[in-house]
Amino acid sequence: MFLTNVLFKKAKSKMIMVLMESVVSGHQITRIRERLADKLEFIYFDPYIQQDSVYKERKKIRSIKSS
């Protein structure tokens, strides 16, 4: 193996999978967003309370390879 192969950094992926959590009940779902985008926050149906609720991004789960 050549030394140049060791020195190359891996290219970061453009998309990441994040964990979204309901502010009201704690229900969790996953979504995919761009790495450089702002944190996600949206209104979505919460099955625990049977109403729409605000979901906020809680943490990054993994990177997604782009083709």
C-alpha atoms as a PDB file:
ATOM      1  CA  MET A   1       0.000   0.000   0.000  1.00  0.00           C
ATOM      2  CA  PHE A   2       1.284   3.435  -0.942  1.00  0.00           C
ATOM      3  CA  LEU A   3       1.629   6.208   1.607  1.00  0.00           C
ATOM      4  CA  THR A   4      -0.594   8.490  -0.494  1.00  0.00           C
ATOM      5  CA  ASN A   5      -3.540   6.108  -0.036  1.00  0.00           C
ATOM      6  CA  VAL A   6      -3.249   6.454   3.731  1.00  0.00           C
ATOM      7  CA  LEU A   7      -3.175  10.253   3.652  1.00  0.00           C
ATOM      8  CA  PHE A   8      -6.407  10.717   1.681  1.00  0.00           C
ATOM      9  CA  LYS A   9      -9.378  11.700   3.792  1.00  0.00           C
ATOM     10  CA  LYS A  10     -12.748  10.101   3.194  1.00  0.00           C
ATOM     11  CA  ALA A  11     -15.204  12.393   1.478  1.00  0.00           C
ATOM     12  CA  LYS A  12     -18.090  13.353   3.754  1.00  0.00           C
ATOM     13  CA  SER A  13     -21.524  12.362   2.574  1.00  0.00           C
ATOM     14  CA  LYS A  14     -24.027  15.058   1.640  1.00  0.00           C
ATOM     15  CA  MET A  15     -26.999  13.542   3.463  1.00  0.00           C
ATOM     16  CA  ILE A  16     -27.502  12.410   7.059  1.00  0.00           C
ATOM     17  CA  MET A  17     -30.269  10.516   8.838  1.00  0.00           C
ATOM     18  CA  VAL A  18     -31.565  12.283  11.957  1.00  0.00           C
ATOM     19  CA  LEU A  19     -33.883  11.310  14.802  1.00  0.00           C
ATOM     20  CA  MET A  20     -36.939  13.548  15.174  1.00  0.00           C
ATOM     21  CA  GLU A  21     -38.844  13.679  18.467  1.00  0.00           C
ATOM     22  CA  SER A  22     -42.309  15.027  19.235  1.00  0.00           C
ATOM     23  CA  VAL A  23     -42.224  17.910  21.709  1.00  0.00           C
ATOM     24  CA  VAL A  24     -45.550  16.804  23.229  1.00  0.00           C
ATOM     25  CA  SER A  25     -45.355  13.020  23.643  1.00  0.00           C
ATOM     26  CA  GLY A  26     -41.792  11.959  22.837  1.00  0.00           C
ATOM     27  CA  HIS A  27     -42.802   9.903  19.769  1.00  0.00           C
ATOM     28  CA  GLN A  28     -39.773   9.421  17.510  1.00  0.00           C
ATOM     29  CA  ILE A  29     -39.362   9.186  13.726  1.00  0.00           C
ATOM     30  CA  THR A  30     -36.385   9.360  11.380  1.00  0.00           C
ATOM     31  CA  ARG A  31     -35.842  11.752   8.487  1.00  0.00           C
ATOM     32  CA  ILE A  32     -33.051  12.458   6.008  1.00  0.00           C
ATOM     33  CA  ARG A  33     -31.631  15.951   5.545  1.00  0.00           C
ATOM     34  CA  GLU A  34     -28.599  17.583   3.937  1.00  0.00           C
ATOM     35  CA  ARG A  35     -25.525  17.780   6.131  1.00  0.00           C
ATOM     36  CA  LEU A  36     -25.117  21.543   5.744  1.00  0.00           C
ATOM     37  CA  ALA A  37     -28.812  22.412   6.165  1.00  0.00           C
ATOM     38  CA  ASP A  38     -30.293  23.854   9.361  1.00  0.00           C
ATOM     39  CA  LYS A  39     -31.754  21.509  11.973  1.00  0.00           C
ATOM     40  CA  LEU A  40     -35.195  20.193  11.062  1.00  0.00           C
ATOM     41  CA  GLU A  41     -38.377  21.296  12.781  1.00  0.00           C
ATOM     42  CA  PHE A  42     -41.847  20.619  11.394  1.00  0.00           C
ATOM     43  CA  ILE A  43     -45.458  19.799  12.238  1.00  0.00           C
ATOM     44  CA  TYR A  44     -46.468  16.146  11.759  1.00  0.00           C
ATOM     45  CA  PHE A  45     -49.194  13.799  12.969  1.00  0.00           C
ATOM     46  CA  ASP A  46     -48.401  12.270  16.383  1.00  0.00           C
ATOM     47  CA  PRO A  47     -50.090   8.856  16.802  1.00  0.00           C
ATOM     48  CA  TYR A  48     -49.800   8.916  20.606  1.00  0.00           C
ATOM     49  CA  ILE A  49     -52.026  11.972  21.029  1.00  0.00           C
ATOM     50  CA  GLN A  50     -53.926  11.621  17.714  1.00  0.00           C
ATOM     51  CA  GLN A  51     -53.151  15.261  16.749  1.00  0.00           C
ATOM     52  CA  ASP A  52     -50.561  17.265  14.879  1.00  0.00           C
ATOM     53  CA  SER A  53     -47.489  18.070  16.941  1.00  0.00           C
ATOM     54  CA  VAL A  54     -44.163  19.884  16.535  1.00  0.00           C
ATOM     55  CA  TYR A  55     -41.215  17.573  15.878  1.00  0.00           C
ATOM     56  CA  LYS A  56     -37.666  18.767  16.554  1.00  0.00           C
ATOM     57  CA  GLU A  57     -34.383  17.187  15.532  1.00  0.00           C
ATOM     58  CA  ARG A  58     -32.825  15.364  18.456  1.00  0.00           C
ATOM     59  CA  LYS A  59     -29.635  13.748  17.133  1.00  0.00           C
ATOM     60  CA  LYS A  60     -27.762  12.463  14.102  1.00  0.00           C
ATOM     61  CA  ILE A  61     -28.088   8.726  13.523  1.00  0.00           C
ATOM     62  CA  ARG A  62     -25.853   8.047  10.529  1.00  0.00           C
ATOM     63  CA  SER A  63     -24.482   9.310   7.225  1.00  0.00           C
ATOM     64  CA  ILE A  64     -26.154   8.347   3.961  1.00  0.00           C
ATOM     65  CA  LYS A  65     -24.044   7.507   0.924  1.00  0.00           C
ATOM     66  CA  SER A  66     -25.043   9.428  -2.166  1.00  0.00           C
ATOM     67  CA  SER A  67     -24.610   7.884  -5.594  1.00  0.00           C
END
